[in-house]
Amino acid sequence: MNSEVFDMSVTQQYAIDLYRAAQRGEAAPPAPGRHEVDAFRELRDYRRFKAVVAGRPARGRIRAALTRRLSGRHFFGRRVSGRRGHPAGC
């Protein structure tokens, strides 16, 4: 018995699965990555639901946080003076 381990890529494994399905007269398996978009959408919807249940805004939380962070109002947690990028008191 050969105990070598063969590393296959996803594409190679999919090709083998397609061959086996064709030999057995079964339906072809779904292509790799086909359902990833659906999975990400479900994750997004779940996170929005959890935000609503927790009383937080469901949409725009990341954009709002980035806007606050990058708007120039604060620089590394300190108030920004009139000069761009220099903390107050410098």
C-alpha atoms as a PDB file:
ATOM      1  CA  MET A   1       0.000   0.000   0.000  1.00  0.00           C
ATOM      2  CA  ASN A   2       1.390   3.371  -0.983  1.00  0.00           C
ATOM      3  CA  SER A   3       1.170   5.886   1.867  1.00  0.00           C
ATOM      4  CA  GLU A   4       2.124   8.980  -0.113  1.00  0.00           C
ATOM      5  CA  VAL A   5      -0.090  12.012   0.292  1.00  0.00           C
ATOM      6  CA  PHE A   6      -1.164  13.744  -2.888  1.00  0.00           C
ATOM      7  CA  ASP A   7      -1.870  17.443  -2.777  1.00  0.00           C
ATOM      8  CA  MET A   8      -4.545  18.454  -5.251  1.00  0.00           C
ATOM      9  CA  SER A   9      -5.813  21.841  -6.167  1.00  0.00           C
ATOM     10  CA  VAL A  10      -9.506  22.620  -6.041  1.00  0.00           C
ATOM     11  CA  THR A  11      -9.651  22.468  -9.824  1.00  0.00           C
ATOM     12  CA  GLN A  12      -8.055  19.010  -9.916  1.00  0.00           C
ATOM     13  CA  GLN A  13     -10.448  17.697  -7.277  1.00  0.00           C
ATOM     14  CA  TYR A  14     -13.381  19.163  -9.200  1.00  0.00           C
ATOM     15  CA  ALA A  15     -12.176  17.446 -12.392  1.00  0.00           C
ATOM     16  CA  ILE A  16     -12.053  14.100 -10.581  1.00  0.00           C
ATOM     17  CA  ASP A  17     -15.521  14.669  -9.135  1.00  0.00           C
ATOM     18  CA  LEU A  18     -16.844  15.509 -12.605  1.00  0.00           C
ATOM     19  CA  TYR A  19     -15.298  12.328 -14.021  1.00  0.00           C
ATOM     20  CA  ARG A  20     -16.775  10.157 -11.242  1.00  0.00           C
ATOM     21  CA  ALA A  21     -20.215  11.721 -11.681  1.00  0.00           C
ATOM     22  CA  ALA A  22     -20.089  11.121 -15.437  1.00  0.00           C
ATOM     23  CA  GLN A  23     -19.009   7.485 -14.925  1.00  0.00           C
ATOM     24  CA  ARG A  24     -21.834   6.862 -12.473  1.00  0.00           C
ATOM     25  CA  GLY A  25     -24.455   8.736 -14.469  1.00  0.00           C
ATOM     26  CA  GLU A  26     -24.969  11.250 -11.664  1.00  0.00           C
ATOM     27  CA  ALA A  27     -25.474  14.993 -11.866  1.00  0.00           C
ATOM     28  CA  ALA A  28     -22.328  17.073 -11.994  1.00  0.00           C
ATOM     29  CA  PRO A  29     -21.268  18.668  -8.697  1.00  0.00           C
ATOM     30  CA  PRO A  30     -21.413  22.471  -8.429  1.00  0.00           C
ATOM     31  CA  ALA A  31     -18.312  24.328  -9.559  1.00  0.00           C
ATOM     32  CA  PRO A  32     -15.957  25.519  -6.822  1.00  0.00           C
ATOM     33  CA  GLY A  33     -16.773  29.017  -5.609  1.00  0.00           C
ATOM     34  CA  ARG A  34     -20.243  28.977  -7.110  1.00  0.00           C
ATOM     35  CA  HIS A  35     -22.011  29.502  -3.795  1.00  0.00           C
ATOM     36  CA  GLU A  36     -19.523  31.889  -2.195  1.00  0.00           C
ATOM     37  CA  VAL A  37     -21.479  35.007  -3.134  1.00  0.00           C
ATOM     38  CA  ASP A  38     -24.608  33.550  -1.567  1.00  0.00           C
ATOM     39  CA  ALA A  39     -22.684  32.672   1.585  1.00  0.00           C
ATOM     40  CA  PHE A  40     -21.319  36.221   1.886  1.00  0.00           C
ATOM     41  CA  ARG A  41     -24.796  37.670   1.378  1.00  0.00           C
ATOM     42  CA  GLU A  42     -26.192  35.437   4.103  1.00  0.00           C
ATOM     43  CA  LEU A  43     -23.388  36.506   6.439  1.00  0.00           C
ATOM     44  CA  ARG A  44     -24.083  40.174   5.680  1.00  0.00           C
ATOM     45  CA  ASP A  45     -27.806  39.708   6.307  1.00  0.00           C
ATOM     46  CA  TYR A  46     -27.115  37.880   9.576  1.00  0.00           C
ATOM     47  CA  ARG A  47     -24.810  40.659  10.800  1.00  0.00           C
ATOM     48  CA  ARG A  48     -27.414  43.277   9.898  1.00  0.00           C
ATOM     49  CA  PHE A  49     -30.058  41.313  11.792  1.00  0.00           C
ATOM     50  CA  LYS A  50     -27.819  41.025  14.864  1.00  0.00           C
ATOM     51  CA  ALA A  51     -27.153  44.784  14.717  1.00  0.00           C
ATOM     52  CA  VAL A  52     -30.872  45.584  14.649  1.00  0.00           C
ATOM     53  CA  VAL A  53     -31.575  43.235  17.543  1.00  0.00           C
ATOM     54  CA  ALA A  54     -28.753  44.874  19.531  1.00  0.00           C
ATOM     55  CA  GLY A  55     -30.131  48.348  18.778  1.00  0.00           C
ATOM     56  CA  ARG A  56     -27.302  49.447  16.493  1.00  0.00           C
ATOM     57  CA  PRO A  57     -27.693  50.856  12.968  1.00  0.00           C
ATOM     58  CA  ALA A  58     -27.983  48.018  10.476  1.00  0.00           C
ATOM     59  CA  ARG A  59     -26.447  49.743   7.490  1.00  0.00           C
ATOM     60  CA  GLY A  60     -23.550  52.090   6.958  1.00  0.00           C
ATOM     61  CA  ARG A  61     -21.724  51.310  10.194  1.00  0.00           C
ATOM     62  CA  ILE A  62     -18.355  50.680   8.544  1.00  0.00           C
ATOM     63  CA  ARG A  63     -18.636  53.662   6.210  1.00  0.00           C
ATOM     64  CA  ALA A  64     -19.651  55.936   9.099  1.00  0.00           C
ATOM     65  CA  ALA A  65     -16.712  54.744  11.191  1.00  0.00           C
ATOM     66  CA  LEU A  66     -14.274  55.264   8.315  1.00  0.00           C
ATOM     67  CA  THR A  67     -15.738  58.685   7.582  1.00  0.00           C
ATOM     68  CA  ARG A  68     -15.308  59.722  11.216  1.00  0.00           C
ATOM     69  CA  ARG A  69     -11.786  58.331  11.281  1.00  0.00           C
ATOM     70  CA  LEU A  70     -10.623  59.809   7.974  1.00  0.00           C
ATOM     71  CA  SER A  71     -12.495  63.110   8.049  1.00  0.00           C
ATOM     72  CA  GLY A  72      -9.615  64.913   9.725  1.00  0.00           C
ATOM     73  CA  ARG A  73     -11.488  65.567  12.932  1.00  0.00           C
ATOM     74  CA  HIS A  74      -9.158  63.289  14.872  1.00  0.00           C
ATOM     75  CA  PHE A  75      -5.614  62.146  14.257  1.00  0.00           C
ATOM     76  CA  PHE A  76      -4.506  59.105  16.234  1.00  0.00           C
ATOM     77  CA  GLY A  77      -7.173  59.794  18.817  1.00  0.00           C
ATOM     78  CA  ARG A  78      -6.177  63.441  19.356  1.00  0.00           C
ATOM     79  CA  ARG A  79      -7.872  66.570  18.159  1.00  0.00           C
ATOM     80  CA  VAL A  80      -6.336  68.023  14.975  1.00  0.00           C
ATOM     81  CA  SER A  81      -5.170  71.643  14.926  1.00  0.00           C
ATOM     82  CA  GLY A  82      -5.389  73.974  11.970  1.00  0.00           C
ATOM     83  CA  ARG A  83      -2.371  72.400  10.275  1.00  0.00           C
ATOM     84  CA  ARG A  84      -3.159  69.235   8.417  1.00  0.00           C
ATOM     85  CA  GLY A  85      -1.985  66.074  10.106  1.00  0.00           C
ATOM     86  CA  HIS A  86      -0.422  67.738  13.143  1.00  0.00           C
ATOM     87  CA  PRO A  87      -1.935  67.056  16.570  1.00  0.00           C
ATOM     88  CA  ALA A  88      -3.020  70.051  18.627  1.00  0.00           C
ATOM     89  CA  GLY A  89      -0.295  71.529  20.797  1.00  0.00           C
ATOM     90  CA  CYS A  90       2.575  70.782  18.396  1.00  0.00           C
END
